[in-house]
Amino acid sequence: MFRLFSAALLCGSFTLAAQQDVQQQVQTLWQQQAYQEAKSLLTPLVNAKTKDAALLAALGRTELSLGNVELAEKLLARAVKNAPEQAQYQFWYGQANCDSAQKASMFSALSAAKRCAKAFATAVELAPDNAQYLQALAKYYAQAPGIAGGDKAQALQLSKQLQLTSPLQGQLLELELLLQLDDPAAAQALLAKATTLQTRPEPYFLQGVKFAQSRDYEAAIEQFAKASAQPAVDKEASRSRLLSLYQLGRAAAVGKTAEQQGIRALERFLEAEGLPEFREWAQFRLGQLYLATEQRSAAEAILKPLQNSSKDSTLVTEIKKIL
């Protein structure tokens, strides 16, 4: 199939139907997180003269998911140049520049950050009701310094804007921003009036993250436990519940407290088989807690196979430190 599409392109017979088929395959591969396979499909279809914004954006987004930020940024810059009216391409271009800013030198980082903000703002302008774009721009404004366009008041205003079309997502965004801005009184006031939030896991999860960041692990564990006890009424709630189980276990391991509670949480997380990107680190944290509770054989049963199979060099190094 890959060769067929490549040959069609070279012969100038890459039809709209063939392009749509490629895009559909890419979407499926993205859903499976099979980004290398998506790259293998797309790379033969893109060259230095390609002006097809859809192909450029698809390959750029794929490279971004693979961590190839510089290449992703170049591809997505070409995509937005050829189709500036596509909000999704602007959003991906913003993501690439934000990632680039985190790795660049100070001067280059500032330029990349400004491109990120501009692209996010353009995406919001083109699709003002899109929750993902509003969230990205609001979080940028909340976190960026003033010299890079940071604007805390504008961030909160965007959360209010989102509440007009998506009340739940807008309230969650406002809560997250208030916690980031170290305004716990305003955060609690919001929770008190937003009754819908009180029976969802996300608010407790966000508060738990805030406590964990300040190394108040006991308070973090309390919030993560509340989050994991809330009903999984939709996909987002289910994800937050699972994340809370993982973060509870991590807080117990890092904070060296509530080890048995952490063990139960991580065992539940691993039994659920969701969030595969956290699975190896969940196993590591569980091994840590087993060692902390003098269950060395159980720890070795997890950690030794993980040490041999993991491709995460940081994780392997951490395992070596405790075995």
Protein backbone atom coordinates (compact mmCIF):
# COMPACT_ATOMS: atom_id res chain seq x y z
CA MET A 1 0.00 0.00 0.00
CA PHE A 2 2.78 2.46 0.93
CA ARG A 3 4.58 1.79 -2.37
CA LEU A 4 1.33 2.22 -4.30
CA PHE A 5 0.72 5.69 -2.83
CA SER A 6 4.32 6.71 -3.36
CA ALA A 7 4.27 5.62 -6.98
CA ALA A 8 0.96 7.39 -7.55
CA LEU A 9 2.45 10.63 -6.25
CA LEU A 10 5.53 10.35 -8.44
CA CYS A 11 3.39 9.71 -11.48
CA GLY A 12 1.18 12.72 -10.73
CA SER A 13 -1.86 10.50 -10.18
CA PHE A 14 -2.33 11.04 -6.46
CA THR A 15 -6.11 11.48 -6.58
CA LEU A 16 -8.37 13.05 -3.99
CA ALA A 17 -9.70 9.60 -3.13
CA ALA A 18 -6.19 8.29 -2.56
CA GLN A 19 -5.36 11.29 -0.40
CA GLN A 20 -8.48 10.78 1.70
CA ASP A 21 -7.54 7.13 2.12
CA VAL A 22 -4.10 8.16 3.39
CA GLN A 23 -5.60 10.67 5.81
CA GLN A 24 -7.98 8.04 7.15
CA GLN A 25 -5.13 5.58 7.66
CA VAL A 26 -3.10 8.25 9.43
CA GLN A 27 -5.99 9.05 11.76
CA THR A 28 -6.26 5.37 12.66
CA LEU A 29 -2.54 5.12 13.32
CA TRP A 30 -2.64 8.23 15.51
CA GLN A 31 -5.46 6.70 17.55
CA GLN A 32 -3.27 3.65 18.06
CA GLN A 33 -0.27 5.89 18.91
CA ALA A 34 1.53 4.17 16.03
CA TYR A 35 3.38 7.33 15.06
CA GLN A 36 6.37 5.64 13.46
CA GLU A 37 4.05 3.72 11.16
CA ALA A 38 2.26 6.96 10.30
CA LYS A 39 5.60 8.54 9.46
CA SER A 40 6.48 5.62 7.20
CA LEU A 41 3.21 6.14 5.35
CA LEU A 42 3.52 9.90 4.98
CA THR A 43 7.24 10.46 4.36
CA PRO A 44 7.27 9.19 0.75
CA LEU A 45 4.42 11.58 -0.05
CA VAL A 46 6.18 14.77 1.11
CA ASN A 47 9.21 16.46 -0.39
CA ALA A 48 10.74 19.95 -0.55
CA LYS A 49 8.27 21.04 -3.23
CA THR A 50 5.11 19.71 -1.58
CA LYS A 51 2.41 22.34 -1.18
CA ASP A 52 -0.37 20.05 -0.03
CA ALA A 53 -1.12 21.53 3.41
CA ALA A 54 -2.96 18.42 4.60
CA LEU A 55 0.03 16.16 3.95
CA LEU A 56 2.49 18.66 5.40
CA ALA A 57 0.37 19.10 8.52
CA ALA A 58 -0.15 15.37 8.98
CA LEU A 59 3.56 14.62 8.75
CA GLY A 60 4.36 17.62 10.96
CA ARG A 61 1.95 16.50 13.64
CA THR A 62 3.37 12.97 13.42
CA GLU A 63 6.94 14.22 13.83
CA LEU A 64 5.79 16.28 16.80
CA SER A 65 4.35 13.19 18.45
CA LEU A 66 7.67 11.42 17.85
CA GLY A 67 9.56 14.26 19.57
CA ASN A 68 11.18 15.56 16.39
CA VAL A 69 10.27 19.14 17.24
CA GLU A 70 12.51 21.02 14.82
CA LEU A 71 11.35 19.02 11.81
CA ALA A 72 7.73 19.25 12.96
CA GLU A 73 7.98 23.02 13.24
CA LYS A 74 9.33 23.34 9.70
CA LEU A 75 6.65 21.11 8.20
CA LEU A 76 3.82 22.82 10.08
CA ALA A 77 5.15 26.26 9.10
CA ARG A 78 4.77 25.19 5.46
CA ALA A 79 1.29 23.84 6.20
CA VAL A 80 0.00 27.10 7.72
CA LYS A 81 1.61 29.09 4.93
CA ASN A 82 -0.33 27.10 2.34
CA ALA A 83 -3.58 26.91 4.35
CA PRO A 84 -3.61 29.74 6.91
CA GLU A 85 -7.36 29.36 7.37
CA GLN A 86 -7.04 25.88 8.93
CA ALA A 87 -7.35 26.29 12.70
CA GLN A 88 -6.07 22.79 13.44
CA TYR A 89 -2.83 23.38 11.55
CA GLN A 90 -2.34 26.65 13.43
CA PHE A 91 -2.87 24.80 16.71
CA TRP A 92 -0.32 22.10 15.86
CA TYR A 93 2.13 24.78 14.71
CA GLY A 94 1.67 26.49 18.06
CA GLN A 95 2.33 23.24 19.89
CA ALA A 96 5.54 22.69 17.92
CA ASN A 97 6.78 26.18 18.74
CA CYS A 98 5.92 25.84 22.42
CA ASP A 99 7.86 22.57 22.56
CA SER A 100 10.73 24.23 20.69
CA ALA A 101 10.76 27.13 23.17
CA GLN A 102 11.33 24.75 26.06
CA LYS A 103 14.49 23.36 24.46
CA ALA A 104 15.99 26.47 22.85
CA SER A 105 18.41 29.11 24.07
CA MET A 106 16.94 32.21 25.70
CA PHE A 107 16.75 34.36 22.53
CA SER A 108 15.49 31.53 20.32
CA ALA A 109 13.05 30.44 23.03
CA LEU A 110 11.46 33.88 23.14
CA SER A 111 10.94 33.91 19.38
CA ALA A 112 9.46 30.42 19.42
CA ALA A 113 7.20 31.31 22.36
CA LYS A 114 5.83 34.35 20.51
CA ARG A 115 5.15 32.19 17.43
CA CYS A 116 3.37 29.72 19.71
CA ALA A 117 1.14 32.42 21.18
CA LYS A 118 0.36 33.87 17.76
CA ALA A 119 -0.55 30.47 16.33
CA PHE A 120 -2.77 29.58 19.30
CA ALA A 121 -4.47 32.99 19.06
CA THR A 122 -5.04 32.46 15.34
CA ALA A 123 -6.55 29.04 16.00
CA VAL A 124 -8.94 30.59 18.54
CA GLU A 125 -9.83 33.38 16.10
CA LEU A 126 -10.62 30.83 13.40
CA ALA A 127 -12.53 28.48 15.75
CA PRO A 128 -13.64 30.54 18.77
CA ASP A 129 -15.77 27.76 20.26
CA ASN A 130 -13.09 25.07 20.18
CA ALA A 131 -12.34 24.08 23.77
CA GLN A 132 -8.88 22.65 23.03
CA TYR A 133 -7.66 25.84 21.36
CA LEU A 134 -9.08 28.08 24.10
CA GLN A 135 -7.48 25.93 26.78
CA ALA A 136 -4.09 26.01 25.07
CA LEU A 137 -4.11 29.78 24.64
CA ALA A 138 -5.36 30.40 28.18
CA LYS A 139 -2.67 28.17 29.69
CA TYR A 140 -0.04 29.91 27.60
CA TYR A 141 -1.17 33.33 28.85
CA ALA A 142 -1.18 32.05 32.44
CA GLN A 143 2.28 30.49 32.34
CA ALA A 144 4.29 32.73 30.00
CA PRO A 145 6.22 35.75 31.30
CA GLY A 146 5.04 39.19 30.26
CA ILE A 147 7.90 39.59 27.79
CA ALA A 148 6.58 36.55 25.90
CA GLY A 149 2.97 37.74 25.90
CA GLY A 150 1.85 36.29 29.21
CA ASP A 151 -1.37 37.83 30.50
CA LYS A 152 -3.07 36.28 33.54
CA ALA A 153 -6.18 38.42 33.26
CA GLN A 154 -6.59 37.40 29.62
CA ALA A 155 -6.16 33.75 30.59
CA LEU A 156 -9.06 33.95 33.04
CA GLN A 157 -11.15 35.83 30.48
CA LEU A 158 -10.68 32.98 28.01
CA SER A 159 -11.93 30.51 30.63
CA LYS A 160 -15.07 32.65 30.97
CA GLN A 161 -15.42 32.64 27.18
CA LEU A 162 -15.23 28.86 27.12
CA GLN A 163 -17.95 28.60 29.78
CA LEU A 164 -20.42 30.20 27.37
CA THR A 165 -20.30 27.18 25.04
CA SER A 166 -18.84 24.44 27.27
CA PRO A 167 -19.71 25.25 30.91
CA LEU A 168 -17.99 22.21 32.41
CA GLN A 169 -14.76 22.56 30.45
CA GLY A 170 -14.72 26.29 31.06
CA GLN A 171 -15.13 25.87 34.81
CA LEU A 172 -12.40 23.23 34.91
CA LEU A 173 -10.11 25.53 32.97
CA GLU A 174 -10.86 28.41 35.35
CA LEU A 175 -10.14 26.16 38.35
CA GLU A 176 -6.85 24.99 36.85
CA LEU A 177 -5.81 28.57 36.12
CA LEU A 178 -6.70 29.76 39.63
CA LEU A 179 -4.62 26.97 41.14
CA GLN A 180 -1.71 27.81 38.82
CA LEU A 181 -2.02 31.46 39.82
CA ASP A 182 -1.88 30.52 43.52
CA ASP A 183 -5.34 31.86 44.32
CA PRO A 184 -6.79 29.06 46.50
CA ALA A 185 -9.54 31.28 47.91
CA ALA A 186 -10.92 31.98 44.44
CA ALA A 187 -10.55 28.29 43.53
CA GLN A 188 -12.58 27.22 46.58
CA ALA A 189 -15.21 29.87 45.84
CA LEU A 190 -15.57 28.50 42.33
CA LEU A 191 -15.93 24.94 43.61
CA ALA A 192 -18.54 26.05 46.12
CA LYS A 193 -20.82 27.50 43.45
CA ALA A 194 -20.07 25.05 40.61
CA THR A 195 -22.05 22.09 41.90
CA THR A 196 -21.35 20.03 38.78
CA LEU A 197 -17.65 19.99 39.63
CA GLN A 198 -18.21 18.61 43.11
CA THR A 199 -19.08 15.13 41.86
CA ARG A 200 -16.36 14.88 39.23
CA PRO A 201 -12.77 13.66 39.69
CA GLU A 202 -11.02 16.47 37.82
CA PRO A 203 -11.22 19.18 40.55
CA TYR A 204 -9.76 16.87 43.19
CA PHE A 205 -7.11 15.69 40.76
CA LEU A 206 -6.08 19.27 39.95
CA GLN A 207 -5.84 20.12 43.65
CA GLY A 208 -3.83 16.98 44.26
CA VAL A 209 -1.35 17.96 41.55
CA LYS A 210 -1.00 21.39 43.15
CA PHE A 211 -0.25 19.88 46.56
CA ALA A 212 2.22 17.40 45.02
CA GLN A 213 4.06 20.23 43.29
CA SER A 214 4.54 21.91 46.68
CA ARG A 215 5.61 18.54 48.17
CA ASP A 216 2.67 18.31 50.52
CA TYR A 217 2.25 14.66 49.69
CA GLU A 218 -0.22 13.80 52.43
CA ALA A 219 -2.62 16.51 51.24
CA ALA A 220 -2.04 15.41 47.64
CA ILE A 221 -2.88 11.80 48.49
CA GLU A 222 -6.10 12.92 50.17
CA GLN A 223 -7.20 14.77 47.03
CA PHE A 224 -6.16 11.95 44.68
CA ALA A 225 -8.13 9.50 46.82
CA LYS A 226 -11.23 11.69 46.53
CA ALA A 227 -10.73 11.93 42.77
CA SER A 228 -10.45 8.16 42.35
CA ALA A 229 -13.70 7.69 44.30
CA GLN A 230 -15.78 9.84 41.93
CA PRO A 231 -17.96 8.21 39.25
CA ALA A 232 -16.55 7.74 35.76
CA VAL A 233 -19.48 9.33 33.98
CA ASP A 234 -17.60 9.99 30.75
CA LYS A 235 -14.23 9.50 29.06
CA GLU A 236 -12.65 12.55 30.67
CA ALA A 237 -13.77 11.53 34.15
CA SER A 238 -12.49 8.00 33.62
CA ARG A 239 -9.08 9.33 32.54
CA SER A 240 -8.86 11.62 35.58
CA ARG A 241 -9.75 8.74 37.90
CA LEU A 242 -6.99 6.61 36.43
CA LEU A 243 -4.47 9.45 36.57
CA SER A 244 -5.41 10.00 40.20
CA LEU A 245 -4.65 6.38 41.04
CA TYR A 246 -1.24 6.70 39.41
CA GLN A 247 -0.48 10.04 41.03
CA LEU A 248 -1.58 8.76 44.43
CA GLY A 249 0.90 5.90 44.13
CA ARG A 250 3.62 8.25 42.95
CA ALA A 251 3.00 10.65 45.85
CA ALA A 252 3.17 7.76 48.30
CA ALA A 253 6.47 6.54 46.82
CA VAL A 254 8.12 9.95 46.50
CA GLY A 255 6.76 11.27 49.80
CA LYS A 256 7.48 8.00 51.65
CA THR A 257 4.06 8.03 53.24
CA ALA A 258 0.82 6.01 53.10
CA GLU A 259 2.65 3.17 51.38
CA GLN A 260 -0.17 0.62 51.62
CA GLN A 261 -2.65 3.12 50.20
CA GLY A 262 -0.21 3.79 47.38
CA ILE A 263 0.19 0.09 46.68
CA ARG A 264 -3.56 -0.43 46.40
CA ALA A 265 -3.90 2.56 44.10
CA LEU A 266 -1.15 1.39 41.73
CA GLU A 267 -2.45 -2.17 41.69
CA ARG A 268 -5.87 -0.80 40.68
CA PHE A 269 -4.23 1.40 38.04
CA LEU A 270 -2.34 -1.53 36.49
CA GLU A 271 -5.40 -3.78 36.58
CA ALA A 272 -7.35 -1.18 34.60
CA GLU A 273 -4.83 -1.36 31.72
CA GLY A 274 -5.51 2.22 30.66
CA LEU A 275 -3.06 5.07 30.00
CA PRO A 276 -0.26 2.89 28.61
CA GLU A 277 2.16 5.83 28.60
CA PHE A 278 2.19 5.70 32.42
CA ARG A 279 2.28 1.93 32.81
CA GLU A 280 6.05 1.40 33.15
CA TRP A 281 6.45 4.20 35.67
CA ALA A 282 3.46 2.85 37.60
CA GLN A 283 5.23 -0.52 37.80
CA PHE A 284 8.39 1.21 39.00
CA ARG A 285 6.53 3.15 41.70
CA LEU A 286 4.79 -0.04 42.79
CA GLY A 287 8.17 -1.75 43.04
CA GLN A 288 9.43 1.15 45.16
CA LEU A 289 6.50 0.78 47.52
CA TYR A 290 6.96 -2.98 47.76
CA LEU A 291 10.57 -2.39 48.80
CA ALA A 292 9.47 0.25 51.31
CA THR A 293 7.11 -2.30 52.90
CA GLU A 294 9.75 -5.08 52.94
CA GLN A 295 8.23 -7.07 50.06
CA ARG A 296 11.45 -7.49 48.12
CA SER A 297 10.43 -10.61 46.19
CA ALA A 298 7.30 -8.85 44.91
CA ALA A 299 9.38 -5.83 43.97
CA GLU A 300 11.96 -7.88 42.08
CA ALA A 301 9.22 -9.76 40.24
CA ILE A 302 8.15 -6.42 38.75
CA LEU A 303 11.38 -4.48 38.51
CA LYS A 304 13.78 -7.03 37.00
CA PRO A 305 11.66 -7.80 33.90
CA LEU A 306 10.94 -4.09 33.57
CA GLN A 307 14.65 -3.29 33.67
CA ASN A 308 15.28 -5.74 30.83
CA SER A 309 12.35 -4.69 28.64
CA SER A 310 12.04 -0.93 29.04
CA LYS A 311 13.45 1.41 26.40
CA ASP A 312 13.24 4.36 28.80
CA SER A 313 16.86 4.95 29.81
CA THR A 314 15.87 7.21 32.71
CA LEU A 315 13.58 4.54 34.10
CA VAL A 316 16.23 1.83 33.73
CA THR A 317 18.71 4.01 35.61
CA GLU A 318 16.24 4.55 38.43
CA ILE A 319 15.59 0.81 38.70
CA LYS A 320 19.32 0.13 38.99
CA LYS A 321 19.52 2.56 41.90
CA ILE A 322 17.07 0.62 44.05
CA LEU A 323 17.74 -3.01 43.18
